[in-house]
Amino acid sequence: LAAGGAGITAANKATSIYANYLEKKEKTRLELFTQVAEQAHQQAQADPKNANAWYWHAYALGRYSQGISVAKALAQGLGSKIRESLEKAIALAPAHADAHIALGAFHAEVIDKVGALIGAKKDKGLKLFQEALRLNPESAIAMIEYANALVMLEGERKMREATALYEKAAACKPQDAMEQLDVDLAQAELEE
């Protein structure tokens, strides 16, 4: 954080990934996501052309929203903030695969939990996942989130396709520690 700029982005990523995958206490997870959302928001205000600032703002708010319930988060107005930040990230960096994944997951989660509100659309969400996989075909998290969205949006009839995506994610060769966590997640889900 003290380095500023890209250092803030690195700190936000590290904190978010730790909170999402490794932190056991829900209260601490939510506090960490709140911290990242605030830091990323400040970074985006200071540098509005920084796609990663917008992305980490949305990511942290999205994970926070999942922790308090999507319906509750929408009632607090977080849904619009998440969608707008992800749309800004994609507008600034059209090849930002993770932003496509997150926006696809946003559409799926909103539709699954409360219906087609605040501009959430099934077809748009699924196309965002397809674009993410086109941009980064070896992304385990894209496969996992796409599989989850298929089940949320299409139900049992897409279970075979979702399982195939999980199997492919579990077989990915991770490029870094974060991707290893994604592969581990896919493998754990398949074992259940």
C-alpha atoms as a PDB file:
ATOM      1  CA  LEU A   1       0.000   0.000   0.000  1.00  0.00           C
ATOM      2  CA  ALA A   2       2.811   2.385   0.840  1.00  0.00           C
ATOM      3  CA  ALA A   3       4.181   2.026  -2.696  1.00  0.00           C
ATOM      4  CA  GLY A   4       0.937   3.416  -4.133  1.00  0.00           C
ATOM      5  CA  GLY A   5      -0.190   2.797  -7.707  1.00  0.00           C
ATOM      6  CA  ALA A   6       0.423  -0.802  -8.703  1.00  0.00           C
ATOM      7  CA  GLY A   7       1.301  -1.533  -5.065  1.00  0.00           C
ATOM      8  CA  ILE A   8      -2.297  -0.765  -4.071  1.00  0.00           C
ATOM      9  CA  THR A   9      -3.517  -3.122  -6.781  1.00  0.00           C
ATOM     10  CA  ALA A  10      -1.181  -5.884  -5.564  1.00  0.00           C
ATOM     11  CA  ALA A  11      -2.283  -5.356  -1.939  1.00  0.00           C
ATOM     12  CA  ASN A  12      -5.957  -5.409  -2.925  1.00  0.00           C
ATOM     13  CA  LYS A  13      -5.494  -8.603  -4.918  1.00  0.00           C
ATOM     14  CA  ALA A  14      -3.550 -10.337  -2.152  1.00  0.00           C
ATOM     15  CA  THR A  15      -6.060  -9.297   0.507  1.00  0.00           C
ATOM     16  CA  SER A  16      -9.038 -10.324  -1.621  1.00  0.00           C
ATOM     17  CA  ILE A  17      -7.627 -13.714  -2.510  1.00  0.00           C
ATOM     18  CA  TYR A  18      -6.663 -14.368   1.107  1.00  0.00           C
ATOM     19  CA  ALA A  19     -10.147 -13.363   2.303  1.00  0.00           C
ATOM     20  CA  ASN A  20     -11.930 -15.395  -0.351  1.00  0.00           C
ATOM     21  CA  TYR A  21      -9.982 -18.645  -0.125  1.00  0.00           C
ATOM     22  CA  LEU A  22      -8.149 -18.816   3.172  1.00  0.00           C
ATOM     23  CA  GLU A  23      -9.759 -16.709   5.920  1.00  0.00           C
ATOM     24  CA  LYS A  24     -11.955 -18.893   8.116  1.00  0.00           C
ATOM     25  CA  LYS A  25     -13.813 -16.242  10.161  1.00  0.00           C
ATOM     26  CA  GLU A  26     -16.732 -14.732   8.270  1.00  0.00           C
ATOM     27  CA  LYS A  27     -16.572 -11.452  10.208  1.00  0.00           C
ATOM     28  CA  THR A  28     -12.894 -11.015   9.291  1.00  0.00           C
ATOM     29  CA  ARG A  29     -13.593 -11.938   5.648  1.00  0.00           C
ATOM     30  CA  LEU A  30     -16.277  -9.254   5.414  1.00  0.00           C
ATOM     31  CA  GLU A  31     -13.995  -6.689   7.073  1.00  0.00           C
ATOM     32  CA  LEU A  32     -11.205  -7.484   4.607  1.00  0.00           C
ATOM     33  CA  PHE A  33     -13.554  -7.148   1.624  1.00  0.00           C
ATOM     34  CA  THR A  34     -14.806  -3.823   3.006  1.00  0.00           C
ATOM     35  CA  GLN A  35     -11.216  -2.630   3.380  1.00  0.00           C
ATOM     36  CA  VAL A  36     -10.349  -3.616  -0.203  1.00  0.00           C
ATOM     37  CA  ALA A  37     -13.521  -2.013  -1.567  1.00  0.00           C
ATOM     38  CA  GLU A  38     -12.662   1.274   0.154  1.00  0.00           C
ATOM     39  CA  GLN A  39      -9.011   1.212  -0.959  1.00  0.00           C
ATOM     40  CA  ALA A  40      -9.937   0.339  -4.537  1.00  0.00           C
ATOM     41  CA  HIS A  41     -12.642   3.008  -4.609  1.00  0.00           C
ATOM     42  CA  GLN A  42     -10.130   5.630  -3.482  1.00  0.00           C
ATOM     43  CA  GLN A  43      -7.647   4.370  -6.080  1.00  0.00           C
ATOM     44  CA  ALA A  44     -10.297   4.531  -8.818  1.00  0.00           C
ATOM     45  CA  GLN A  45     -11.217   8.073  -7.817  1.00  0.00           C
ATOM     46  CA  ALA A  46      -7.557   9.139  -7.923  1.00  0.00           C
ATOM     47  CA  ASP A  47      -6.867   7.227 -11.169  1.00  0.00           C
ATOM     48  CA  PRO A  48     -10.174   6.750 -13.043  1.00  0.00           C
ATOM     49  CA  LYS A  49      -8.453   5.052 -16.000  1.00  0.00           C
ATOM     50  CA  ASN A  50      -7.094   2.242 -13.816  1.00  0.00           C
ATOM     51  CA  ALA A  51      -9.121  -0.806 -14.858  1.00  0.00           C
ATOM     52  CA  ASN A  52      -7.774  -2.884 -11.969  1.00  0.00           C
ATOM     53  CA  ALA A  53      -8.908  -0.328  -9.398  1.00  0.00           C
ATOM     54  CA  TRP A  54     -12.461  -0.648 -10.744  1.00  0.00           C
ATOM     55  CA  TYR A  55     -12.157  -4.430 -10.922  1.00  0.00           C
ATOM     56  CA  TRP A  56     -10.949  -4.897  -7.335  1.00  0.00           C
ATOM     57  CA  HIS A  57     -13.615  -2.460  -6.107  1.00  0.00           C
ATOM     58  CA  ALA A  58     -16.288  -4.603  -7.743  1.00  0.00           C
ATOM     59  CA  TYR A  59     -14.676  -7.917  -6.727  1.00  0.00           C
ATOM     60  CA  ALA A  60     -14.521  -6.929  -3.062  1.00  0.00           C
ATOM     61  CA  LEU A  61     -18.080  -5.579  -3.061  1.00  0.00           C
ATOM     62  CA  GLY A  62     -19.274  -8.714  -4.843  1.00  0.00           C
ATOM     63  CA  ARG A  63     -17.680 -11.112  -2.382  1.00  0.00           C
ATOM     64  CA  TYR A  64     -18.900  -8.942   0.507  1.00  0.00           C
ATOM     65  CA  SER A  65     -22.405  -9.095  -0.990  1.00  0.00           C
ATOM     66  CA  GLN A  66     -22.273 -12.875  -1.172  1.00  0.00           C
ATOM     67  CA  GLY A  67     -21.328 -12.906   2.510  1.00  0.00           C
ATOM     68  CA  ILE A  68     -24.266 -10.769   3.647  1.00  0.00           C
ATOM     69  CA  SER A  69     -26.706 -12.167   1.017  1.00  0.00           C
ATOM     70  CA  VAL A  70     -27.206 -10.898  -2.490  1.00  0.00           C
ATOM     71  CA  ALA A  71     -30.735  -9.690  -1.715  1.00  0.00           C
ATOM     72  CA  LYS A  72     -29.519  -7.642   1.263  1.00  0.00           C
ATOM     73  CA  ALA A  73     -26.634  -6.218  -0.792  1.00  0.00           C
ATOM     74  CA  LEU A  74     -29.017  -5.175  -3.570  1.00  0.00           C
ATOM     75  CA  ALA A  75     -31.227  -3.449  -1.001  1.00  0.00           C
ATOM     76  CA  GLN A  76     -28.136  -1.486   0.111  1.00  0.00           C
ATOM     77  CA  GLY A  77     -27.467  -0.385  -3.473  1.00  0.00           C
ATOM     78  CA  LEU A  78     -24.308  -2.449  -3.868  1.00  0.00           C
ATOM     79  CA  GLY A  79     -25.515  -4.192  -7.029  1.00  0.00           C
ATOM     80  CA  SER A  80     -25.398  -1.054  -9.144  1.00  0.00           C
ATOM     81  CA  LYS A  81     -21.943  -0.179  -7.808  1.00  0.00           C
ATOM     82  CA  ILE A  82     -20.622  -3.648  -8.645  1.00  0.00           C
ATOM     83  CA  ARG A  83     -22.079  -3.649 -12.149  1.00  0.00           C
ATOM     84  CA  GLU A  84     -20.881  -0.097 -12.905  1.00  0.00           C
ATOM     85  CA  SER A  85     -17.345  -0.770 -11.653  1.00  0.00           C
ATOM     86  CA  LEU A  86     -17.070  -3.956 -13.736  1.00  0.00           C
ATOM     87  CA  GLU A  87     -18.445  -2.230 -16.825  1.00  0.00           C
ATOM     88  CA  LYS A  88     -15.848   0.534 -16.340  1.00  0.00           C
ATOM     89  CA  ALA A  89     -13.070  -2.043 -15.958  1.00  0.00           C
ATOM     90  CA  ILE A  90     -14.120  -3.772 -19.189  1.00  0.00           C
ATOM     91  CA  ALA A  91     -14.493  -0.473 -21.056  1.00  0.00           C
ATOM     92  CA  LEU A  92     -10.954   0.504 -19.990  1.00  0.00           C
ATOM     93  CA  ALA A  93      -9.459  -2.961 -20.583  1.00  0.00           C
ATOM     94  CA  PRO A  94     -11.621  -5.045 -22.953  1.00  0.00           C
ATOM     95  CA  ALA A  95      -9.241  -8.024 -22.593  1.00  0.00           C
ATOM     96  CA  HIS A  96      -9.608  -8.101 -18.767  1.00  0.00           C
ATOM     97  CA  ALA A  97     -10.812 -11.710 -18.547  1.00  0.00           C
ATOM     98  CA  ASP A  98     -11.366 -11.579 -14.788  1.00  0.00           C
ATOM     99  CA  ALA A  99     -13.674  -8.571 -15.147  1.00  0.00           C
ATOM    100  CA  HIS A 100     -15.719 -10.530 -17.697  1.00  0.00           C
ATOM    101  CA  ILE A 101     -15.907 -13.460 -15.251  1.00  0.00           C
ATOM    102  CA  ALA A 102     -16.995 -11.226 -12.386  1.00  0.00           C
ATOM    103  CA  LEU A 103     -19.646  -9.451 -14.456  1.00  0.00           C
ATOM    104  CA  GLY A 104     -20.938 -12.800 -15.705  1.00  0.00           C
ATOM    105  CA  ALA A 105     -21.129 -14.033 -12.108  1.00  0.00           C
ATOM    106  CA  PHE A 106     -22.923 -10.815 -11.140  1.00  0.00           C
ATOM    107  CA  HIS A 107     -25.640 -11.426 -13.736  1.00  0.00           C
ATOM    108  CA  ALA A 108     -26.042 -15.065 -12.670  1.00  0.00           C
ATOM    109  CA  GLU A 109     -26.141 -14.325  -8.929  1.00  0.00           C
ATOM    110  CA  VAL A 110     -28.688 -11.507  -9.248  1.00  0.00           C
ATOM    111  CA  ILE A 111     -30.984 -13.541 -11.497  1.00  0.00           C
ATOM    112  CA  ASP A 112     -30.649 -16.628  -9.281  1.00  0.00           C
ATOM    113  CA  LYS A 113     -31.356 -14.791  -6.029  1.00  0.00           C
ATOM    114  CA  VAL A 114     -33.867 -12.062  -6.952  1.00  0.00           C
ATOM    115  CA  GLY A 115     -34.650 -12.261 -10.670  1.00  0.00           C
ATOM    116  CA  ALA A 116     -33.816  -9.984 -13.571  1.00  0.00           C
ATOM    117  CA  LEU A 117     -33.289  -6.769 -11.624  1.00  0.00           C
ATOM    118  CA  ILE A 118     -30.851  -3.867 -12.108  1.00  0.00           C
ATOM    119  CA  GLY A 119     -30.131  -4.874 -15.676  1.00  0.00           C
ATOM    120  CA  ALA A 120     -29.159  -8.487 -14.960  1.00  0.00           C
ATOM    121  CA  LYS A 121     -29.669 -10.686 -18.027  1.00  0.00           C
ATOM    122  CA  LYS A 122     -29.101 -14.419 -18.439  1.00  0.00           C
ATOM    123  CA  ASP A 123     -27.838 -14.280 -22.028  1.00  0.00           C
ATOM    124  CA  LYS A 124     -25.473 -11.412 -21.280  1.00  0.00           C
ATOM    125  CA  GLY A 125     -24.060 -13.240 -18.270  1.00  0.00           C
ATOM    126  CA  LEU A 126     -23.393 -16.422 -20.231  1.00  0.00           C
ATOM    127  CA  LYS A 127     -21.768 -14.459 -23.085  1.00  0.00           C
ATOM    128  CA  LEU A 128     -19.444 -12.766 -20.592  1.00  0.00           C
ATOM    129  CA  PHE A 129     -18.200 -16.177 -19.424  1.00  0.00           C
ATOM    130  CA  GLN A 130     -17.684 -17.299 -23.003  1.00  0.00           C
ATOM    131  CA  GLU A 131     -15.675 -14.150 -23.708  1.00  0.00           C
ATOM    132  CA  ALA A 132     -13.599 -14.669 -20.560  1.00  0.00           C
ATOM    133  CA  LEU A 133     -12.725 -18.184 -21.687  1.00  0.00           C
ATOM    134  CA  ARG A 134     -11.894 -16.916 -25.164  1.00  0.00           C
ATOM    135  CA  LEU A 135      -9.539 -14.363 -23.574  1.00  0.00           C
ATOM    136  CA  ASN A 136      -8.059 -16.836 -21.083  1.00  0.00           C
ATOM    137  CA  PRO A 137      -8.915 -20.414 -22.114  1.00  0.00           C
ATOM    138  CA  GLU A 138      -6.864 -21.946 -19.278  1.00  0.00           C
ATOM    139  CA  SER A 139      -8.577 -20.006 -16.484  1.00  0.00           C
ATOM    140  CA  ALA A 140      -9.773 -22.449 -13.844  1.00  0.00           C
ATOM    141  CA  ILE A 141     -11.823 -19.761 -12.098  1.00  0.00           C
ATOM    142  CA  ALA A 142     -13.577 -18.874 -15.369  1.00  0.00           C
ATOM    143  CA  MET A 143     -14.552 -22.527 -15.760  1.00  0.00           C
ATOM    144  CA  ILE A 144     -15.709 -22.787 -12.145  1.00  0.00           C
ATOM    145  CA  GLU A 145     -17.769 -19.599 -12.215  1.00  0.00           C
ATOM    146  CA  TYR A 146     -19.230 -20.482 -15.626  1.00  0.00           C
ATOM    147  CA  ALA A 147     -20.217 -23.919 -14.308  1.00  0.00           C
ATOM    148  CA  ASN A 148     -21.860 -22.353 -11.251  1.00  0.00           C
ATOM    149  CA  ALA A 149     -23.719 -19.873 -13.461  1.00  0.00           C
ATOM    150  CA  LEU A 150     -24.969 -22.613 -15.773  1.00  0.00           C
ATOM    151  CA  VAL A 151     -26.495 -24.451 -12.825  1.00  0.00           C
ATOM    152  CA  MET A 152     -27.950 -21.249 -11.347  1.00  0.00           C
ATOM    153  CA  LEU A 153     -29.445 -20.109 -14.640  1.00  0.00           C
ATOM    154  CA  GLU A 154     -30.307 -23.380 -16.367  1.00  0.00           C
ATOM    155  CA  GLY A 155     -30.685 -25.874 -13.519  1.00  0.00           C
ATOM    156  CA  GLU A 156     -30.234 -29.632 -13.640  1.00  0.00           C
ATOM    157  CA  ARG A 157     -30.274 -29.800 -17.445  1.00  0.00           C
ATOM    158  CA  LYS A 158     -26.821 -28.133 -17.510  1.00  0.00           C
ATOM    159  CA  MET A 159     -25.319 -30.298 -14.750  1.00  0.00           C
ATOM    160  CA  ARG A 160     -23.341 -32.472 -17.180  1.00  0.00           C
ATOM    161  CA  GLU A 161     -21.804 -29.408 -18.860  1.00  0.00           C
ATOM    162  CA  ALA A 162     -21.077 -27.833 -15.464  1.00  0.00           C
ATOM    163  CA  THR A 163     -19.392 -31.011 -14.244  1.00  0.00           C
ATOM    164  CA  ALA A 164     -17.249 -31.123 -17.404  1.00  0.00           C
ATOM    165  CA  LEU A 165     -16.157 -27.524 -16.730  1.00  0.00           C
ATOM    166  CA  TYR A 166     -15.236 -28.438 -13.140  1.00  0.00           C
ATOM    167  CA  GLU A 167     -13.256 -31.445 -14.388  1.00  0.00           C
ATOM    168  CA  LYS A 168     -11.400 -29.266 -16.860  1.00  0.00           C
ATOM    169  CA  ALA A 169     -10.706 -26.668 -14.126  1.00  0.00           C
ATOM    170  CA  ALA A 170      -9.414 -29.380 -11.783  1.00  0.00           C
ATOM    171  CA  ALA A 171      -6.983 -30.525 -14.494  1.00  0.00           C
ATOM    172  CA  CYS A 172      -5.590 -27.039 -15.201  1.00  0.00           C
ATOM    173  CA  LYS A 173      -1.893 -26.419 -14.639  1.00  0.00           C
ATOM    174  CA  PRO A 174      -1.760 -23.430 -12.271  1.00  0.00           C
ATOM    175  CA  GLN A 175       0.558 -20.567 -13.186  1.00  0.00           C
ATOM    176  CA  ASP A 176       0.661 -19.042  -9.689  1.00  0.00           C
ATOM    177  CA  ALA A 177      -0.560 -19.510  -6.121  1.00  0.00           C
ATOM    178  CA  MET A 178      -3.953 -17.939  -6.807  1.00  0.00           C
ATOM    179  CA  GLU A 179      -4.599 -20.302  -9.717  1.00  0.00           C
ATOM    180  CA  GLN A 180      -3.561 -23.205  -7.474  1.00  0.00           C
ATOM    181  CA  LEU A 181      -6.336 -22.197  -5.076  1.00  0.00           C
ATOM    182  CA  ASP A 182      -8.801 -22.253  -7.994  1.00  0.00           C
ATOM    183  CA  VAL A 183      -7.652 -25.713  -9.091  1.00  0.00           C
ATOM    184  CA  ASP A 184      -7.854 -26.942  -5.484  1.00  0.00           C
ATOM    185  CA  LEU A 185     -11.393 -25.577  -5.255  1.00  0.00           C
ATOM    186  CA  ALA A 186     -12.446 -27.414  -8.409  1.00  0.00           C
ATOM    187  CA  GLN A 187     -10.872 -30.641  -7.183  1.00  0.00           C
ATOM    188  CA  ALA A 188     -12.592 -30.336  -3.782  1.00  0.00           C
ATOM    189  CA  GLU A 189     -15.980 -29.740  -5.404  1.00  0.00           C
ATOM    190  CA  LEU A 190     -15.577 -32.833  -7.574  1.00  0.00           C
ATOM    191  CA  GLU A 191     -14.745 -34.948  -4.522  1.00  0.00           C
ATOM    192  CA  GLU A 192     -18.015 -33.991  -2.789  1.00  0.00           C
END
